[in-house]
Amino acid sequence: MSELGPEATDDAIVAYAESEGMAVITTDVKDFADRDATVPVFVAPQDMTGGAVRAAVARVEALPFDPAETDPIWLSAL
């Protein structure tokens, strides 16, 4: 996120996403796997392609629940 810069902390990233109503999509499986946030947090392992990430997000969007109300979602599981 250019607004935060490359050295932004995990907390700053989540706070920014929450203030802007954005979801977080990250490859940082260590720090974001158990993150508690009021916006959806999607964890995508680095070996997932862009197409696989888009397909997984589309499947999440089709589900009848609010992903912000769950624990972080591992996109590789979808």
N, C-alpha and C. Protein backbone atom coordinates (compact mmCIF):
# COMPACT_ATOMS: atom_id res chain seq x y z
N MET A 1 0.84 -1.17 0.00
CA MET A 1 0.00 0.00 0.00
C MET A 1 0.88 1.23 0.00
N SER A 2 0.79 1.98 -1.03
CA SER A 2 1.65 3.15 -1.17
C SER A 2 1.39 4.18 -0.08
N GLU A 3 0.16 4.23 0.44
CA GLU A 3 -0.16 5.20 1.49
C GLU A 3 0.63 4.93 2.77
N LEU A 4 0.96 3.67 3.02
CA LEU A 4 1.64 3.29 4.25
C LEU A 4 3.14 3.12 4.07
N GLY A 5 3.57 2.79 2.88
CA GLY A 5 4.98 2.56 2.62
C GLY A 5 5.38 1.12 2.89
N PRO A 6 6.57 0.74 2.41
CA PRO A 6 7.00 -0.65 2.50
C PRO A 6 7.35 -1.12 3.92
N GLU A 7 7.53 -0.22 4.83
CA GLU A 7 7.91 -0.59 6.20
C GLU A 7 6.72 -0.61 7.15
N ALA A 8 5.51 -0.58 6.63
CA ALA A 8 4.31 -0.54 7.48
C ALA A 8 4.23 -1.78 8.35
N THR A 9 3.84 -1.59 9.59
CA THR A 9 3.67 -2.72 10.50
C THR A 9 2.37 -3.46 10.17
N ASP A 10 2.27 -4.69 10.65
CA ASP A 10 1.05 -5.47 10.45
C ASP A 10 -0.15 -4.75 11.05
N ASP A 11 0.03 -4.19 12.23
CA ASP A 11 -1.06 -3.46 12.88
C ASP A 11 -1.50 -2.25 12.05
N ALA A 12 -0.54 -1.54 11.45
CA ALA A 12 -0.87 -0.38 10.62
C ALA A 12 -1.64 -0.81 9.38
N ILE A 13 -1.26 -1.94 8.80
CA ILE A 13 -1.95 -2.44 7.61
C ILE A 13 -3.39 -2.79 7.95
N VAL A 14 -3.60 -3.49 9.05
CA VAL A 14 -4.96 -3.86 9.45
C VAL A 14 -5.77 -2.61 9.79
N ALA A 15 -5.18 -1.68 10.51
CA ALA A 15 -5.90 -0.44 10.87
C ALA A 15 -6.30 0.33 9.62
N TYR A 16 -5.42 0.40 8.64
CA TYR A 16 -5.73 1.10 7.39
C TYR A 16 -6.88 0.38 6.66
N ALA A 17 -6.79 -0.94 6.56
CA ALA A 17 -7.85 -1.70 5.90
C ALA A 17 -9.19 -1.50 6.60
N GLU A 18 -9.17 -1.50 7.92
CA GLU A 18 -10.40 -1.30 8.68
C GLU A 18 -10.96 0.11 8.45
N SER A 19 -10.10 1.11 8.42
CA SER A 19 -10.58 2.48 8.23
C SER A 19 -11.12 2.72 6.83
N GLU A 20 -10.61 1.97 5.85
CA GLU A 20 -11.04 2.13 4.46
C GLU A 20 -12.09 1.10 4.04
N GLY A 21 -12.42 0.16 4.93
CA GLY A 21 -13.39 -0.88 4.59
C GLY A 21 -12.87 -1.86 3.56
N MET A 22 -11.58 -2.15 3.61
CA MET A 22 -10.95 -3.05 2.65
C MET A 22 -10.64 -4.39 3.30
N ALA A 23 -10.55 -5.42 2.49
CA ALA A 23 -10.08 -6.72 2.97
C ALA A 23 -8.56 -6.73 2.92
N VAL A 24 -7.97 -7.64 3.68
CA VAL A 24 -6.52 -7.83 3.66
C VAL A 24 -6.25 -9.16 2.96
N ILE A 25 -5.43 -9.12 1.91
CA ILE A 25 -4.95 -10.34 1.27
C ILE A 25 -3.44 -10.34 1.46
N THR A 26 -2.92 -11.37 2.09
CA THR A 26 -1.52 -11.40 2.44
C THR A 26 -0.89 -12.75 2.15
N THR A 27 0.40 -12.75 1.92
CA THR A 27 1.16 -13.99 1.82
C THR A 27 1.91 -14.26 3.12
N ASP A 28 1.75 -13.38 4.09
CA ASP A 28 2.45 -13.48 5.37
C ASP A 28 1.71 -14.46 6.27
N VAL A 29 1.94 -15.75 6.06
CA VAL A 29 1.19 -16.77 6.79
C VAL A 29 1.54 -16.79 8.27
N LYS A 30 2.71 -16.35 8.63
CA LYS A 30 3.12 -16.37 10.04
C LYS A 30 2.38 -15.32 10.86
N ASP A 31 2.38 -14.08 10.40
CA ASP A 31 1.83 -12.99 11.20
C ASP A 31 0.34 -12.75 11.00
N PHE A 32 -0.22 -13.19 9.89
CA PHE A 32 -1.63 -12.91 9.64
C PHE A 32 -2.54 -14.13 9.82
N ALA A 33 -1.99 -15.30 10.04
CA ALA A 33 -2.81 -16.50 10.14
C ALA A 33 -3.78 -16.45 11.31
N ASP A 34 -3.43 -15.77 12.37
CA ASP A 34 -4.30 -15.68 13.54
C ASP A 34 -4.72 -14.25 13.83
N ARG A 35 -4.66 -13.37 12.86
CA ARG A 35 -4.95 -11.94 13.05
C ARG A 35 -6.43 -11.73 13.33
N ASP A 36 -6.73 -10.91 14.31
CA ASP A 36 -8.11 -10.55 14.63
C ASP A 36 -8.38 -9.17 14.04
N ALA A 37 -9.34 -9.09 13.14
CA ALA A 37 -9.64 -7.82 12.47
C ALA A 37 -11.14 -7.75 12.22
N THR A 38 -11.64 -6.54 11.99
CA THR A 38 -13.06 -6.37 11.69
C THR A 38 -13.33 -6.42 10.19
N VAL A 39 -12.29 -6.64 9.40
CA VAL A 39 -12.41 -6.80 7.95
C VAL A 39 -11.93 -8.20 7.59
N PRO A 40 -12.32 -8.72 6.43
CA PRO A 40 -11.85 -10.04 6.04
C PRO A 40 -10.33 -10.08 5.90
N VAL A 41 -9.74 -11.16 6.38
CA VAL A 41 -8.30 -11.40 6.21
C VAL A 41 -8.16 -12.71 5.44
N PHE A 42 -7.55 -12.62 4.27
CA PHE A 42 -7.32 -13.78 3.43
C PHE A 42 -5.83 -14.05 3.38
N VAL A 43 -5.44 -15.29 3.67
CA VAL A 43 -4.04 -15.68 3.64
C VAL A 43 -3.82 -16.52 2.39
N ALA A 44 -2.89 -16.08 1.54
CA ALA A 44 -2.58 -16.78 0.30
C ALA A 44 -1.11 -17.16 0.31
N PRO A 45 -0.80 -18.44 0.45
CA PRO A 45 0.60 -18.84 0.41
C PRO A 45 1.28 -18.35 -0.87
N GLN A 46 2.58 -18.11 -0.79
CA GLN A 46 3.31 -17.52 -1.91
C GLN A 46 3.30 -18.36 -3.17
N ASP A 47 3.01 -19.64 -3.06
CA ASP A 47 3.01 -20.47 -4.26
C ASP A 47 1.68 -20.42 -5.02
N MET A 48 0.70 -19.67 -4.51
CA MET A 48 -0.57 -19.52 -5.23
C MET A 48 -0.39 -18.51 -6.36
N THR A 49 -0.94 -18.82 -7.51
CA THR A 49 -0.89 -17.88 -8.64
C THR A 49 -1.97 -16.81 -8.47
N GLY A 50 -1.83 -15.74 -9.22
CA GLY A 50 -2.84 -14.68 -9.18
C GLY A 50 -4.21 -15.21 -9.58
N GLY A 51 -4.25 -16.08 -10.57
CA GLY A 51 -5.51 -16.66 -11.00
C GLY A 51 -6.15 -17.52 -9.91
N ALA A 52 -5.33 -18.26 -9.19
CA ALA A 52 -5.85 -19.09 -8.10
C ALA A 52 -6.40 -18.22 -6.97
N VAL A 53 -5.74 -17.11 -6.69
CA VAL A 53 -6.22 -16.18 -5.66
C VAL A 53 -7.55 -15.58 -6.09
N ARG A 54 -7.65 -15.11 -7.33
CA ARG A 54 -8.90 -14.53 -7.82
C ARG A 54 -10.04 -15.55 -7.78
N ALA A 55 -9.76 -16.79 -8.17
CA ALA A 55 -10.78 -17.83 -8.15
C ALA A 55 -11.24 -18.12 -6.72
N ALA A 56 -10.31 -18.17 -5.78
CA ALA A 56 -10.67 -18.42 -4.38
C ALA A 56 -11.50 -17.27 -3.82
N VAL A 57 -11.13 -16.04 -4.13
CA VAL A 57 -11.90 -14.88 -3.65
C VAL A 57 -13.31 -14.92 -4.26
N ALA A 58 -13.43 -15.29 -5.51
CA ALA A 58 -14.76 -15.39 -6.14
C ALA A 58 -15.61 -16.44 -5.43
N ARG A 59 -15.00 -17.56 -5.03
CA ARG A 59 -15.74 -18.59 -4.30
C ARG A 59 -16.20 -18.06 -2.93
N VAL A 60 -15.33 -17.29 -2.26
CA VAL A 60 -15.71 -16.70 -0.97
C VAL A 60 -16.88 -15.75 -1.16
N GLU A 61 -16.83 -14.92 -2.21
CA GLU A 61 -17.90 -13.96 -2.46
C GLU A 61 -19.24 -14.64 -2.71
N ALA A 62 -19.22 -15.87 -3.21
CA ALA A 62 -20.45 -16.60 -3.51
C ALA A 62 -21.05 -17.26 -2.27
N LEU A 63 -20.30 -17.33 -1.18
CA LEU A 63 -20.79 -17.98 0.03
C LEU A 63 -21.72 -17.05 0.82
N PRO A 64 -22.73 -17.62 1.47
CA PRO A 64 -23.72 -16.80 2.19
C PRO A 64 -23.29 -16.44 3.62
N PHE A 65 -22.11 -15.86 3.77
CA PHE A 65 -21.67 -15.40 5.09
C PHE A 65 -20.73 -14.22 4.91
N ASP A 66 -20.48 -13.52 5.98
CA ASP A 66 -19.59 -12.37 5.96
C ASP A 66 -18.20 -12.84 6.38
N PRO A 67 -17.22 -12.82 5.48
CA PRO A 67 -15.88 -13.29 5.83
C PRO A 67 -15.21 -12.46 6.91
N ALA A 68 -15.72 -11.27 7.18
CA ALA A 68 -15.16 -10.45 8.26
C ALA A 68 -15.54 -11.02 9.62
N GLU A 69 -16.55 -11.89 9.65
CA GLU A 69 -17.03 -12.46 10.90
C GLU A 69 -16.35 -13.78 11.24
N THR A 70 -15.33 -14.17 10.47
CA THR A 70 -14.65 -15.44 10.69
C THR A 70 -13.19 -15.20 11.03
N ASP A 71 -12.51 -16.28 11.36
CA ASP A 71 -11.06 -16.22 11.49
C ASP A 71 -10.48 -15.99 10.10
N PRO A 72 -9.19 -15.66 10.01
CA PRO A 72 -8.58 -15.52 8.69
C PRO A 72 -8.84 -16.76 7.82
N ILE A 73 -9.09 -16.52 6.55
CA ILE A 73 -9.42 -17.59 5.61
C ILE A 73 -8.20 -17.90 4.76
N TRP A 74 -7.83 -19.17 4.73
CA TRP A 74 -6.71 -19.61 3.90
C TRP A 74 -7.24 -19.86 2.49
N LEU A 75 -6.85 -19.03 1.55
CA LEU A 75 -7.36 -19.16 0.18
C LEU A 75 -6.94 -20.47 -0.46
N SER A 76 -5.82 -21.03 -0.04
CA SER A 76 -5.36 -22.29 -0.63
C SER A 76 -6.31 -23.45 -0.28
N ALA A 77 -7.17 -23.27 0.71
CA ALA A 77 -8.11 -24.32 1.10
C ALA A 77 -9.40 -24.27 0.29
N LEU A 78 -9.57 -23.24 -0.53
CA LEU A 78 -10.83 -23.10 -1.27
C LEU A 78 -10.72 -23.61 -2.68
